[in-house]
Structure formats: structure tokens, C-alpha cells
């Protein structure tokens, strides 16, 4: 992907989040603050007008613009966490005009580490990490097995949605969802869901 394609992908992600904002908010109503979808949509709405100025820029600059905008416009925990993911990815892509599969995996790796540090979370606590980590592991396995790029990302998407299903089976121990304790069992994590939506959108754009 070149910078133009990355911008197109971000626009597609914004459209997907807008499409799913009510559902994401419904999920968050049960175990969180009830604002995940609304906040994410607001953040990506703010990103959209800034993308025009990113045309012709390196991919690191594009991702940094997205990350900084999300941090400054999205409330709750999702703004800092997704913002951190994009800004960590921006550092990985600094100065690069094209992005390949190895770059995407590197971006996901640093995003996970950034989210772990920012959210003080680990896998198994009913957060977006429960979709992100299995997705990256599946992608790396598929890549090592010789799969083509599209098939690698498809493997990640499947693992991410499997991770979303897994979050229904565990108690939330991080963030606002931890307040409801055992009542969080049976409900999927909104952050894991929005990440899976994003990864699926990236896959569909390939």
C-alpha cells in the first residue's frame, strides 16, 4: 500500500465505525460508559478533514495525524488507546512511502505493546487485547506457512472475531467494565469488537 491507499483505508475504517456506532454503543451500555461507538465515530469524523493535507506525505505522518486527532477528540479510554496504537505505528512507518505485510505486522506489534502500557492491561482481561493478540499470532502463523497477504490478514480477522467471542466467557477486570464484575459474563467487549471491525475493513480494502 502507498500513502494514497492508506488514506483510502482510513476513510473506509471511518465509514465502518460510523455504520457500527450504535451497535458498539449498545455493547458499551451493558458493561461500560455507553459511549464507545459514539466516541469512536466522533474521532474518525474529526480525522476525515485532516486527511486531505496528508496526501503525498509519508505513511508515518498519515498515521500520526490519525493518532493525535483521536487522542484529542475521543473521550473515555478508547481515544488514548487507539490514539496510542496509531502513534506507535506512525513511529514504525516514519519516512516510509509504502507499507507491506511485514510493516502491518510491525505496526500491530507496537500497537499491542503501546496499549498494554497505556491501559496497564494484559490478555485475558476482557479488553481489545483479547482480539488483537490472537489476530497477530494467527497472521504470523499464516505468513510463516507461506500464505499470500490477503489470506494472512483473513486469518487475523477470523482470530480477532474468535477473540471477541472469547470475551463473552470471561469477567472484565479492567476499566469501567470491571465495575459490573460477574455480570459482564455473556457480553462481548466493545473494544475487541471495534478492533475486529477495523481489521476486517483493512482486509476488505486489500
N, C-alpha and C. Protein backbone atom coordinates (compact mmCIF):
# COMPACT_ATOMS: atom_id res chain seq x y z
N UNK A 1 0.84 -1.20 0.00
CA UNK A 1 0.00 0.00 0.00
C UNK A 1 0.88 1.25 0.00
N UNK A 2 0.51 2.22 -0.85
CA UNK A 2 1.17 3.51 -0.77
C UNK A 2 0.33 4.43 0.13
N UNK A 3 0.77 5.68 0.26
CA UNK A 3 0.07 6.61 1.14
C UNK A 3 -1.37 6.85 0.74
N UNK A 4 -1.62 6.93 -0.56
CA UNK A 4 -2.98 7.16 -1.04
C UNK A 4 -3.89 6.00 -0.63
N UNK A 5 -3.37 4.78 -0.74
CA UNK A 5 -4.16 3.61 -0.36
C UNK A 5 -4.41 3.61 1.15
N UNK A 6 -3.41 3.99 1.92
CA UNK A 6 -3.57 4.06 3.38
C UNK A 6 -4.67 5.06 3.74
N UNK A 7 -4.69 6.20 3.07
CA UNK A 7 -5.75 7.19 3.31
C UNK A 7 -7.11 6.61 2.96
N UNK A 8 -7.18 5.88 1.84
CA UNK A 8 -8.44 5.24 1.45
C UNK A 8 -8.91 4.23 2.51
N UNK A 9 -7.95 3.49 3.07
CA UNK A 9 -8.28 2.51 4.12
C UNK A 9 -8.82 3.23 5.36
N UNK A 10 -8.19 4.32 5.74
CA UNK A 10 -8.64 5.08 6.91
C UNK A 10 -10.05 5.62 6.69
N UNK A 11 -10.33 6.08 5.48
CA UNK A 11 -11.68 6.55 5.15
C UNK A 11 -12.69 5.40 5.27
N UNK A 12 -12.29 4.21 4.82
CA UNK A 12 -13.16 3.04 4.91
C UNK A 12 -13.40 2.65 6.37
N UNK A 13 -12.35 2.76 7.19
CA UNK A 13 -12.49 2.48 8.63
C UNK A 13 -13.47 3.47 9.26
N UNK A 14 -13.33 4.75 8.91
CA UNK A 14 -14.24 5.77 9.44
C UNK A 14 -15.68 5.46 9.08
N UNK A 15 -15.90 5.03 7.84
CA UNK A 15 -17.26 4.69 7.39
C UNK A 15 -17.79 3.48 8.15
N UNK A 16 -16.94 2.49 8.39
CA UNK A 16 -17.34 1.28 9.12
C UNK A 16 -17.70 1.61 10.56
N UNK A 17 -16.88 2.42 11.21
CA UNK A 17 -17.15 2.80 12.60
C UNK A 17 -18.46 3.58 12.69
N UNK A 18 -18.69 4.46 11.72
CA UNK A 18 -19.93 5.23 11.70
C UNK A 18 -21.13 4.29 11.53
N UNK A 19 -20.97 3.30 10.68
CA UNK A 19 -22.03 2.31 10.43
C UNK A 19 -22.34 1.48 11.68
N UNK A 20 -21.30 1.20 12.46
CA UNK A 20 -21.44 0.32 13.62
C UNK A 20 -21.56 1.07 14.95
N UNK A 21 -21.59 2.41 14.91
CA UNK A 21 -21.50 3.18 16.16
C UNK A 21 -22.62 2.88 17.15
N UNK A 22 -23.84 2.68 16.65
CA UNK A 22 -24.96 2.40 17.56
C UNK A 22 -24.80 1.03 18.21
N UNK A 23 -24.38 0.05 17.42
CA UNK A 23 -24.17 -1.29 17.96
C UNK A 23 -23.04 -1.30 18.99
N UNK A 24 -21.94 -0.62 18.67
CA UNK A 24 -20.81 -0.55 19.61
C UNK A 24 -21.22 0.14 20.90
N UNK A 25 -22.06 1.15 20.78
CA UNK A 25 -22.54 1.87 21.97
C UNK A 25 -23.48 0.99 22.78
N UNK A 26 -24.32 0.19 22.10
CA UNK A 26 -25.19 -0.75 22.81
C UNK A 26 -24.36 -1.74 23.63
N UNK A 27 -23.29 -2.25 23.02
CA UNK A 27 -22.40 -3.17 23.75
C UNK A 27 -21.82 -2.49 24.98
N UNK A 28 -21.45 -1.24 24.81
CA UNK A 28 -20.82 -0.49 25.90
C UNK A 28 -21.82 -0.08 26.97
N UNK A 29 -23.09 0.03 26.58
CA UNK A 29 -24.14 0.35 27.55
C UNK A 29 -24.22 -0.69 28.65
N UNK A 30 -23.93 -1.95 28.29
CA UNK A 30 -24.11 -3.06 29.22
C UNK A 30 -22.97 -3.13 30.22
N UNK A 31 -21.74 -2.93 29.75
CA UNK A 31 -20.59 -3.14 30.65
C UNK A 31 -19.66 -1.94 30.76
N UNK A 32 -20.01 -0.83 30.11
CA UNK A 32 -19.11 0.32 30.16
C UNK A 32 -19.86 1.62 30.36
N UNK A 33 -19.33 2.69 29.75
CA UNK A 33 -19.93 4.02 29.89
C UNK A 33 -21.01 4.29 28.87
N UNK A 34 -21.20 3.37 27.91
CA UNK A 34 -22.23 3.56 26.91
C UNK A 34 -21.91 4.61 25.88
N UNK A 35 -20.61 4.78 25.58
CA UNK A 35 -20.24 5.83 24.63
C UNK A 35 -19.17 5.39 23.62
N UNK A 36 -18.82 4.11 23.60
CA UNK A 36 -17.69 3.67 22.77
C UNK A 36 -17.92 3.97 21.28
N UNK A 37 -19.06 3.56 20.76
CA UNK A 37 -19.32 3.79 19.34
C UNK A 37 -19.44 5.26 18.99
N UNK A 38 -20.14 6.01 19.82
CA UNK A 38 -20.32 7.44 19.58
C UNK A 38 -18.97 8.16 19.61
N UNK A 39 -18.15 7.82 20.60
CA UNK A 39 -16.84 8.47 20.72
C UNK A 39 -15.93 8.13 19.55
N UNK A 40 -15.90 6.85 19.16
CA UNK A 40 -15.06 6.43 18.05
C UNK A 40 -15.49 7.11 16.76
N UNK A 41 -16.79 7.19 16.53
CA UNK A 41 -17.30 7.85 15.32
C UNK A 41 -16.94 9.33 15.32
N UNK A 42 -17.04 9.97 16.48
CA UNK A 42 -16.67 11.38 16.58
C UNK A 42 -15.20 11.58 16.25
N UNK A 43 -14.37 10.66 16.75
CA UNK A 43 -12.94 10.77 16.49
C UNK A 43 -12.59 10.64 15.02
N UNK A 44 -13.17 9.63 14.37
CA UNK A 44 -12.87 9.44 12.94
C UNK A 44 -13.51 10.52 12.07
N UNK A 45 -14.63 11.09 12.54
CA UNK A 45 -15.20 12.24 11.83
C UNK A 45 -14.22 13.41 11.85
N UNK A 46 -13.53 13.58 12.97
CA UNK A 46 -12.54 14.65 13.09
C UNK A 46 -11.30 14.37 12.25
N UNK A 47 -11.01 13.10 12.04
CA UNK A 47 -9.85 12.71 11.22
C UNK A 47 -10.06 13.06 9.75
N UNK A 48 -11.28 12.87 9.27
CA UNK A 48 -11.57 12.96 7.84
C UNK A 48 -11.08 14.26 7.18
N UNK A 49 -11.40 15.43 7.72
CA UNK A 49 -10.96 16.66 7.04
C UNK A 49 -9.44 16.87 7.05
N UNK A 50 -8.75 16.15 7.93
CA UNK A 50 -7.30 16.31 8.02
C UNK A 50 -6.54 15.43 7.02
N UNK A 51 -7.25 14.48 6.41
CA UNK A 51 -6.58 13.54 5.51
C UNK A 51 -6.14 14.20 4.20
N UNK A 52 -6.87 15.22 3.78
CA UNK A 52 -6.52 15.90 2.53
C UNK A 52 -5.11 16.49 2.61
N UNK A 53 -4.78 17.05 3.78
CA UNK A 53 -3.45 17.64 3.98
C UNK A 53 -2.35 16.57 4.05
N UNK A 54 -2.76 15.32 4.23
CA UNK A 54 -1.79 14.22 4.33
C UNK A 54 -1.42 13.63 2.97
N UNK A 55 -2.13 14.03 1.93
CA UNK A 55 -1.86 13.48 0.61
C UNK A 55 -0.43 13.82 0.17
N UNK A 56 0.28 12.77 -0.29
CA UNK A 56 1.67 12.95 -0.71
C UNK A 56 2.68 12.85 0.41
N UNK A 57 2.19 12.75 1.65
CA UNK A 57 3.08 12.63 2.81
C UNK A 57 3.44 11.16 3.04
N UNK A 58 4.49 10.94 3.85
CA UNK A 58 4.85 9.56 4.18
C UNK A 58 3.79 8.95 5.10
N UNK A 59 3.78 7.62 5.15
CA UNK A 59 2.73 6.91 5.89
C UNK A 59 2.82 7.20 7.38
N UNK A 60 4.03 7.40 7.89
CA UNK A 60 4.19 7.76 9.30
C UNK A 60 3.44 9.03 9.65
N UNK A 61 3.52 10.03 8.78
CA UNK A 61 2.82 11.30 9.00
C UNK A 61 1.32 11.10 8.99
N UNK A 62 0.82 10.27 8.06
CA UNK A 62 -0.62 9.99 7.98
C UNK A 62 -1.11 9.34 9.27
N UNK A 63 -0.40 8.32 9.72
CA UNK A 63 -0.81 7.60 10.94
C UNK A 63 -0.70 8.48 12.18
N UNK A 64 0.33 9.32 12.22
CA UNK A 64 0.49 10.24 13.36
C UNK A 64 -0.68 11.22 13.41
N UNK A 65 -1.10 11.70 12.26
CA UNK A 65 -2.23 12.63 12.20
C UNK A 65 -3.50 11.97 12.75
N UNK A 66 -3.72 10.72 12.36
CA UNK A 66 -4.88 9.98 12.86
C UNK A 66 -4.79 9.81 14.38
N UNK A 67 -3.64 9.36 14.85
CA UNK A 67 -3.46 9.11 16.28
C UNK A 67 -3.65 10.35 17.13
N UNK A 68 -3.04 11.46 16.73
CA UNK A 68 -3.15 12.70 17.50
C UNK A 68 -4.58 13.22 17.51
N UNK A 69 -5.26 13.06 16.39
CA UNK A 69 -6.65 13.52 16.32
C UNK A 69 -7.55 12.68 17.22
N UNK A 70 -7.34 11.37 17.24
CA UNK A 70 -8.15 10.51 18.11
C UNK A 70 -7.92 10.83 19.58
N UNK A 71 -6.68 11.04 19.94
CA UNK A 71 -6.37 11.37 21.34
C UNK A 71 -7.05 12.66 21.77
N UNK A 72 -7.09 13.64 20.87
CA UNK A 72 -7.60 14.96 21.23
C UNK A 72 -9.12 15.07 21.14
N UNK A 73 -9.78 14.12 20.44
CA UNK A 73 -11.23 14.25 20.23
C UNK A 73 -12.07 13.12 20.82
N UNK A 74 -11.47 11.97 21.11
CA UNK A 74 -12.24 10.83 21.59
C UNK A 74 -12.18 10.75 23.11
N UNK A 75 -13.35 10.70 23.75
CA UNK A 75 -13.40 10.60 25.19
C UNK A 75 -13.22 9.17 25.67
N UNK A 76 -13.26 8.99 26.98
CA UNK A 76 -13.13 7.66 27.57
C UNK A 76 -11.75 7.08 27.36
N UNK A 77 -11.67 5.76 27.42
CA UNK A 77 -10.37 5.09 27.28
C UNK A 77 -10.01 4.85 25.82
N UNK A 78 -11.02 4.80 24.93
CA UNK A 78 -10.74 4.42 23.55
C UNK A 78 -9.88 5.43 22.82
N UNK A 79 -10.02 6.71 23.12
CA UNK A 79 -9.20 7.73 22.48
C UNK A 79 -7.72 7.56 22.75
N UNK A 80 -7.33 7.53 24.03
CA UNK A 80 -5.92 7.32 24.34
C UNK A 80 -5.37 5.99 23.84
N UNK A 81 -6.18 4.93 23.90
CA UNK A 81 -5.70 3.60 23.50
C UNK A 81 -5.54 3.50 21.98
N UNK A 82 -6.57 3.86 21.24
CA UNK A 82 -6.46 3.82 19.77
C UNK A 82 -5.47 4.88 19.28
N UNK A 83 -5.46 6.03 19.93
CA UNK A 83 -4.50 7.07 19.57
C UNK A 83 -3.08 6.59 19.74
N UNK A 84 -2.82 5.91 20.85
CA UNK A 84 -1.51 5.33 21.12
C UNK A 84 -1.14 4.32 20.04
N UNK A 85 -2.09 3.47 19.66
CA UNK A 85 -1.84 2.46 18.63
C UNK A 85 -1.42 3.11 17.32
N UNK A 86 -2.13 4.15 16.91
CA UNK A 86 -1.79 4.81 15.65
C UNK A 86 -0.47 5.57 15.75
N UNK A 87 -0.20 6.18 16.90
CA UNK A 87 1.05 6.95 17.03
C UNK A 87 2.28 6.03 17.13
N UNK A 88 2.13 4.89 17.78
CA UNK A 88 3.21 3.91 17.80
C UNK A 88 3.46 3.37 16.39
N UNK A 89 2.38 3.12 15.66
CA UNK A 89 2.50 2.67 14.28
C UNK A 89 3.19 3.73 13.42
N UNK A 90 2.87 4.99 13.70
CA UNK A 90 3.48 6.09 12.95
C UNK A 90 4.99 6.11 13.10
N UNK A 91 5.46 5.83 14.29
CA UNK A 91 6.90 5.79 14.53
C UNK A 91 7.55 4.66 13.71
N UNK A 92 6.85 3.54 13.61
CA UNK A 92 7.34 2.40 12.83
C UNK A 92 7.41 2.73 11.34
N UNK A 93 6.46 3.55 10.88
CA UNK A 93 6.35 3.87 9.45
C UNK A 93 6.95 5.23 9.10
N UNK A 94 7.65 5.83 10.01
CA UNK A 94 8.21 7.17 9.79
C UNK A 94 9.10 7.21 8.53
N UNK A 95 8.75 8.08 7.61
CA UNK A 95 9.55 8.27 6.40
C UNK A 95 9.26 7.26 5.29
N UNK A 96 8.40 6.28 5.55
CA UNK A 96 8.13 5.24 4.54
C UNK A 96 6.95 5.66 3.65
N UNK A 97 7.11 5.46 2.35
CA UNK A 97 6.07 5.83 1.39
C UNK A 97 5.21 4.63 0.98
N UNK A 98 5.64 3.43 1.37
CA UNK A 98 4.85 2.23 1.08
C UNK A 98 4.81 1.32 2.30
N UNK A 99 3.76 0.53 2.39
CA UNK A 99 3.55 -0.36 3.53
C UNK A 99 3.29 -1.78 3.01
N UNK A 100 4.07 -2.74 3.50
CA UNK A 100 3.86 -4.13 3.11
C UNK A 100 3.35 -4.94 4.30
N UNK A 101 3.23 -6.24 4.12
CA UNK A 101 2.69 -7.10 5.18
C UNK A 101 3.57 -7.06 6.43
N UNK A 102 4.88 -7.09 6.25
CA UNK A 102 5.78 -7.03 7.40
C UNK A 102 5.59 -5.73 8.18
N UNK A 103 5.36 -4.64 7.45
CA UNK A 103 5.12 -3.35 8.10
C UNK A 103 3.82 -3.39 8.90
N UNK A 104 2.78 -3.99 8.32
CA UNK A 104 1.50 -4.08 9.01
C UNK A 104 1.65 -4.88 10.31
N UNK A 105 2.36 -5.99 10.24
CA UNK A 105 2.58 -6.80 11.45
C UNK A 105 3.39 -6.03 12.48
N UNK A 106 4.38 -5.28 12.02
CA UNK A 106 5.20 -4.47 12.94
C UNK A 106 4.33 -3.41 13.61
N UNK A 107 3.44 -2.79 12.83
CA UNK A 107 2.54 -1.78 13.39
C UNK A 107 1.61 -2.39 14.45
N UNK A 108 1.10 -3.58 14.17
CA UNK A 108 0.22 -4.24 15.14
C UNK A 108 0.99 -4.63 16.40
N UNK A 109 2.23 -5.07 16.23
CA UNK A 109 3.05 -5.42 17.39
C UNK A 109 3.26 -4.23 18.31
N UNK A 110 3.65 -3.09 17.74
CA UNK A 110 3.91 -1.91 18.58
C UNK A 110 2.61 -1.34 19.14
N UNK A 111 1.51 -1.53 18.40
CA UNK A 111 0.21 -1.08 18.90
C UNK A 111 -0.17 -1.86 20.15
N UNK A 112 0.04 -3.17 20.10
CA UNK A 112 -0.26 -4.02 21.26
C UNK A 112 0.58 -3.61 22.46
N UNK A 113 1.86 -3.40 22.24
CA UNK A 113 2.74 -3.01 23.35
C UNK A 113 2.34 -1.66 23.91
N UNK A 114 1.97 -0.73 23.02
CA UNK A 114 1.53 0.59 23.47
C UNK A 114 0.26 0.53 24.28
N UNK A 115 -0.69 -0.29 23.84
CA UNK A 115 -1.96 -0.44 24.55
C UNK A 115 -1.75 -1.12 25.90
N UNK A 116 -0.87 -2.11 25.92
CA UNK A 116 -0.56 -2.76 27.20
C UNK A 116 -0.03 -1.75 28.21
N UNK A 117 0.88 -0.89 27.76
CA UNK A 117 1.49 0.10 28.65
C UNK A 117 0.49 1.17 29.05
N UNK A 118 -0.24 1.69 28.06
CA UNK A 118 -1.18 2.79 28.32
C UNK A 118 -2.34 2.32 29.18
N UNK A 119 -2.87 1.13 28.86
CA UNK A 119 -4.03 0.63 29.58
C UNK A 119 -3.69 -0.24 30.78
N UNK A 120 -2.39 -0.50 30.96
CA UNK A 120 -1.94 -1.39 32.05
C UNK A 120 -2.75 -2.69 32.03
N UNK A 121 -2.88 -3.26 30.83
CA UNK A 121 -3.70 -4.44 30.65
C UNK A 121 -2.89 -5.57 30.01
N UNK A 122 -3.39 -6.78 30.19
CA UNK A 122 -2.80 -7.95 29.55
C UNK A 122 -3.94 -8.77 28.93
N UNK A 123 -3.59 -9.74 28.12
CA UNK A 123 -4.58 -10.61 27.51
C UNK A 123 -5.36 -11.37 28.58
N UNK A 124 -6.67 -11.55 28.36
CA UNK A 124 -7.50 -12.30 29.29
C UNK A 124 -8.26 -11.44 30.28
N UNK A 125 -8.24 -10.10 30.07
CA UNK A 125 -8.94 -9.19 30.99
C UNK A 125 -10.18 -8.54 30.35
N UNK A 126 -10.63 -9.12 29.23
CA UNK A 126 -11.83 -8.63 28.53
C UNK A 126 -11.60 -7.22 28.00
N UNK A 127 -10.56 -7.10 27.16
CA UNK A 127 -10.26 -5.83 26.51
C UNK A 127 -9.99 -6.09 25.03
N UNK A 128 -9.66 -5.05 24.29
CA UNK A 128 -9.35 -5.19 22.87
C UNK A 128 -8.14 -6.09 22.64
N UNK A 129 -7.28 -6.25 23.65
CA UNK A 129 -6.12 -7.13 23.51
C UNK A 129 -6.54 -8.58 23.26
N UNK A 130 -7.73 -8.96 23.72
CA UNK A 130 -8.21 -10.33 23.53
C UNK A 130 -8.58 -10.62 22.08
N UNK A 131 -8.71 -9.57 21.27
CA UNK A 131 -8.88 -9.75 19.83
C UNK A 131 -7.56 -9.48 19.10
N UNK A 132 -6.83 -8.48 19.57
CA UNK A 132 -5.60 -8.05 18.87
C UNK A 132 -4.50 -9.12 18.90
N UNK A 133 -4.24 -9.65 20.08
CA UNK A 133 -3.12 -10.59 20.23
C UNK A 133 -3.35 -11.88 19.44
N UNK A 134 -4.53 -12.52 19.56
CA UNK A 134 -4.77 -13.71 18.73
C UNK A 134 -4.71 -13.41 17.24
N UNK A 135 -5.18 -12.22 16.84
CA UNK A 135 -5.16 -11.85 15.42
C UNK A 135 -3.73 -11.80 14.89
N UNK A 136 -2.85 -11.17 15.64
CA UNK A 136 -1.45 -11.05 15.20
C UNK A 136 -0.77 -12.41 15.21
N UNK A 137 -1.05 -13.20 16.21
CA UNK A 137 -0.47 -14.55 16.26
C UNK A 137 -0.91 -15.38 15.05
N UNK A 138 -2.19 -15.29 14.70
CA UNK A 138 -2.72 -16.04 13.56
C UNK A 138 -2.11 -15.54 12.25
N UNK A 139 -1.92 -14.24 12.15
CA UNK A 139 -1.33 -13.67 10.94
C UNK A 139 0.12 -14.11 10.76
N UNK A 140 0.85 -14.12 11.85
CA UNK A 140 2.25 -14.55 11.78
C UNK A 140 2.35 -16.03 11.41
N UNK A 141 1.45 -16.84 11.97
CA UNK A 141 1.45 -18.27 11.64
C UNK A 141 1.13 -18.49 10.17
N UNK A 142 0.13 -17.76 9.66
CA UNK A 142 -0.26 -17.89 8.26
C UNK A 142 0.88 -17.43 7.34
N UNK A 143 1.54 -16.35 7.72
CA UNK A 143 2.66 -15.83 6.92
C UNK A 143 3.80 -16.85 6.90
N UNK A 144 4.11 -17.41 8.06
CA UNK A 144 5.19 -18.41 8.14
C UNK A 144 4.87 -19.66 7.32
N UNK A 145 3.56 -19.94 7.17
CA UNK A 145 3.14 -21.11 6.39
C UNK A 145 3.13 -20.82 4.89
N UNK A 146 3.46 -19.58 4.52
CA UNK A 146 3.56 -19.23 3.11
C UNK A 146 2.31 -18.66 2.48
N UNK A 147 1.34 -18.27 3.30
CA UNK A 147 0.09 -17.72 2.76
C UNK A 147 0.33 -16.36 2.11
N UNK A 148 -0.51 -16.04 1.12
CA UNK A 148 -0.47 -14.73 0.48
C UNK A 148 -1.00 -13.67 1.46
N UNK A 149 -0.69 -12.40 1.17
CA UNK A 149 -1.05 -11.30 2.08
C UNK A 149 -2.53 -11.31 2.46
N UNK A 150 -3.41 -11.41 1.46
CA UNK A 150 -4.85 -11.38 1.73
C UNK A 150 -5.25 -12.52 2.67
N UNK A 151 -4.72 -13.72 2.43
CA UNK A 151 -5.04 -14.88 3.28
C UNK A 151 -4.49 -14.70 4.69
N UNK A 152 -3.33 -14.05 4.79
CA UNK A 152 -2.74 -13.79 6.11
C UNK A 152 -3.66 -12.88 6.93
N UNK A 153 -4.13 -11.81 6.30
CA UNK A 153 -5.00 -10.87 7.02
C UNK A 153 -6.36 -11.51 7.31
N UNK A 154 -6.84 -12.33 6.40
CA UNK A 154 -8.10 -13.05 6.64
C UNK A 154 -7.99 -13.95 7.86
N UNK A 155 -6.83 -14.59 8.03
CA UNK A 155 -6.60 -15.43 9.21
C UNK A 155 -6.65 -14.58 10.48
N UNK A 156 -6.09 -13.38 10.38
CA UNK A 156 -6.13 -12.46 11.52
C UNK A 156 -7.54 -12.03 11.86
N UNK A 157 -8.33 -11.76 10.84
CA UNK A 157 -9.72 -11.34 11.06
C UNK A 157 -10.52 -12.44 11.76
N UNK A 158 -10.35 -13.68 11.31
CA UNK A 158 -11.06 -14.80 11.93
C UNK A 158 -10.67 -14.93 13.40
N UNK A 159 -9.36 -14.84 13.67
CA UNK A 159 -8.88 -14.96 15.06
C UNK A 159 -9.37 -13.80 15.92
N UNK A 160 -9.47 -12.62 15.32
CA UNK A 160 -9.97 -11.46 16.08
C UNK A 160 -11.42 -11.67 16.50
N UNK A 161 -12.25 -12.12 15.56
CA UNK A 161 -13.67 -12.37 15.90
C UNK A 161 -13.82 -13.54 16.87
N UNK A 162 -12.94 -14.54 16.77
CA UNK A 162 -12.93 -15.61 17.77
C UNK A 162 -12.59 -15.02 19.14
N UNK A 163 -11.68 -14.04 19.14
CA UNK A 163 -11.33 -13.36 20.39
C UNK A 163 -12.49 -12.60 20.97
N UNK A 164 -13.28 -11.98 20.11
CA UNK A 164 -14.49 -11.28 20.57
C UNK A 164 -15.43 -12.27 21.26
N UNK A 165 -15.61 -13.44 20.65
CA UNK A 165 -16.46 -14.46 21.25
C UNK A 165 -15.91 -14.90 22.61
N UNK A 166 -14.59 -14.99 22.70
CA UNK A 166 -13.94 -15.38 23.96
C UNK A 166 -14.24 -14.36 25.06
N UNK A 167 -14.31 -13.08 24.70
CA UNK A 167 -14.55 -12.07 25.75
C UNK A 167 -15.91 -12.25 26.42
N UNK A 168 -16.83 -12.94 25.74
CA UNK A 168 -18.14 -13.20 26.36
C UNK A 168 -18.03 -14.17 27.54
N UNK A 169 -16.96 -14.95 27.57
CA UNK A 169 -16.85 -16.03 28.55
C UNK A 169 -16.09 -15.63 29.81
N UNK A 170 -15.51 -14.43 29.82
CA UNK A 170 -14.64 -14.05 30.95
C UNK A 170 -15.16 -12.81 31.67
N UNK A 171 -14.69 -12.65 32.89
CA UNK A 171 -15.05 -11.48 33.71
C UNK A 171 -14.13 -10.32 33.35
N UNK A 172 -14.72 -9.14 33.22
CA UNK A 172 -13.92 -7.94 32.97
C UNK A 172 -13.18 -7.54 34.24
N UNK A 173 -11.88 -7.33 34.12
CA UNK A 173 -11.09 -6.91 35.28
C UNK A 173 -10.35 -5.60 35.04
N UNK A 174 -10.64 -4.96 33.91
CA UNK A 174 -10.01 -3.67 33.59
C UNK A 174 -11.07 -2.66 33.17
N UNK A 175 -10.81 -1.41 33.52
CA UNK A 175 -11.67 -0.31 33.08
C UNK A 175 -13.05 -0.33 33.72
N UNK A 176 -13.94 0.45 33.11
CA UNK A 176 -15.30 0.60 33.64
C UNK A 176 -16.03 -0.74 33.73
N UNK A 177 -15.75 -1.63 32.77
CA UNK A 177 -16.44 -2.93 32.75
C UNK A 177 -16.17 -3.75 33.99
N UNK A 178 -15.02 -3.49 34.64
CA UNK A 178 -14.67 -4.27 35.84
C UNK A 178 -15.64 -3.98 36.99
N UNK A 179 -16.34 -2.84 36.92
CA UNK A 179 -17.27 -2.48 37.98
C UNK A 179 -18.45 -3.44 38.07
N UNK A 180 -18.82 -4.04 36.93
CA UNK A 180 -20.00 -4.92 36.94
C UNK A 180 -19.65 -6.37 37.28
N UNK A 181 -18.34 -6.66 37.39
CA UNK A 181 -17.89 -7.96 37.85
C UNK A 181 -18.44 -9.12 37.04
N UNK A 182 -19.02 -10.11 37.74
CA UNK A 182 -19.50 -11.32 37.07
C UNK A 182 -20.64 -11.05 36.11
N UNK A 183 -21.31 -9.92 36.25
CA UNK A 183 -22.41 -9.58 35.34
C UNK A 183 -21.90 -9.27 33.93
N UNK A 184 -20.57 -9.12 33.81
CA UNK A 184 -20.01 -8.87 32.47
C UNK A 184 -19.93 -10.15 31.64
N UNK A 185 -20.04 -11.32 32.31
CA UNK A 185 -20.01 -12.59 31.57
C UNK A 185 -21.25 -12.68 30.67
N UNK A 186 -21.02 -13.14 29.44
CA UNK A 186 -22.10 -13.22 28.47
C UNK A 186 -22.14 -12.05 27.52
N UNK A 187 -21.36 -11.01 27.82
CA UNK A 187 -21.34 -9.80 26.98
C UNK A 187 -19.95 -9.62 26.36
N UNK A 188 -19.93 -9.30 25.08
CA UNK A 188 -18.64 -9.12 24.40
C UNK A 188 -18.07 -7.74 24.64
N UNK A 189 -16.76 -7.65 24.55
CA UNK A 189 -16.08 -6.38 24.81
C UNK A 189 -16.21 -5.45 23.60
N UNK A 190 -16.62 -4.20 23.82
CA UNK A 190 -16.77 -3.25 22.71
C UNK A 190 -15.45 -2.94 22.00
N UNK A 191 -14.36 -2.81 22.77
CA UNK A 191 -13.07 -2.50 22.16
C UNK A 191 -12.56 -3.63 21.28
N UNK A 192 -12.74 -4.87 21.74
CA UNK A 192 -12.36 -6.02 20.92
C UNK A 192 -13.19 -6.05 19.64
N UNK A 193 -14.46 -5.64 19.76
CA UNK A 193 -15.36 -5.61 18.60
C UNK A 193 -14.94 -4.54 17.61
N UNK A 194 -14.64 -3.34 18.09
CA UNK A 194 -14.25 -2.26 17.16
C UNK A 194 -12.92 -2.58 16.49
N UNK A 195 -11.98 -3.20 17.23
CA UNK A 195 -10.72 -3.59 16.59
C UNK A 195 -10.98 -4.60 15.48
N UNK A 196 -11.84 -5.57 15.73
CA UNK A 196 -12.15 -6.59 14.73
C UNK A 196 -12.81 -5.95 13.50
N UNK A 197 -13.66 -4.97 13.73
CA UNK A 197 -14.25 -4.22 12.61
C UNK A 197 -13.16 -3.53 11.79
N UNK A 198 -12.19 -2.94 12.47
CA UNK A 198 -11.11 -2.22 11.79
C UNK A 198 -10.24 -3.17 10.97
N UNK A 199 -9.86 -4.30 11.58
CA UNK A 199 -9.02 -5.25 10.87
C UNK A 199 -9.76 -5.86 9.67
N UNK A 200 -11.04 -6.12 9.85
CA UNK A 200 -11.84 -6.66 8.75
C UNK A 200 -11.93 -5.65 7.60
N UNK A 201 -12.05 -4.37 7.95
CA UNK A 201 -12.10 -3.32 6.94
C UNK A 201 -10.78 -3.25 6.17
N UNK A 202 -9.66 -3.34 6.89
CA UNK A 202 -8.35 -3.36 6.23
C UNK A 202 -8.28 -4.53 5.25
N UNK A 203 -8.75 -5.69 5.70
CA UNK A 203 -8.73 -6.88 4.85
C UNK A 203 -9.57 -6.68 3.60
N UNK A 204 -10.74 -6.10 3.76
CA UNK A 204 -11.64 -5.88 2.62
C UNK A 204 -11.07 -4.88 1.62
N UNK A 205 -10.17 -4.01 2.09
CA UNK A 205 -9.57 -3.00 1.21
C UNK A 205 -8.37 -3.54 0.43
N UNK A 206 -7.89 -4.72 0.81
CA UNK A 206 -6.70 -5.26 0.13
C UNK A 206 -7.06 -5.76 -1.27
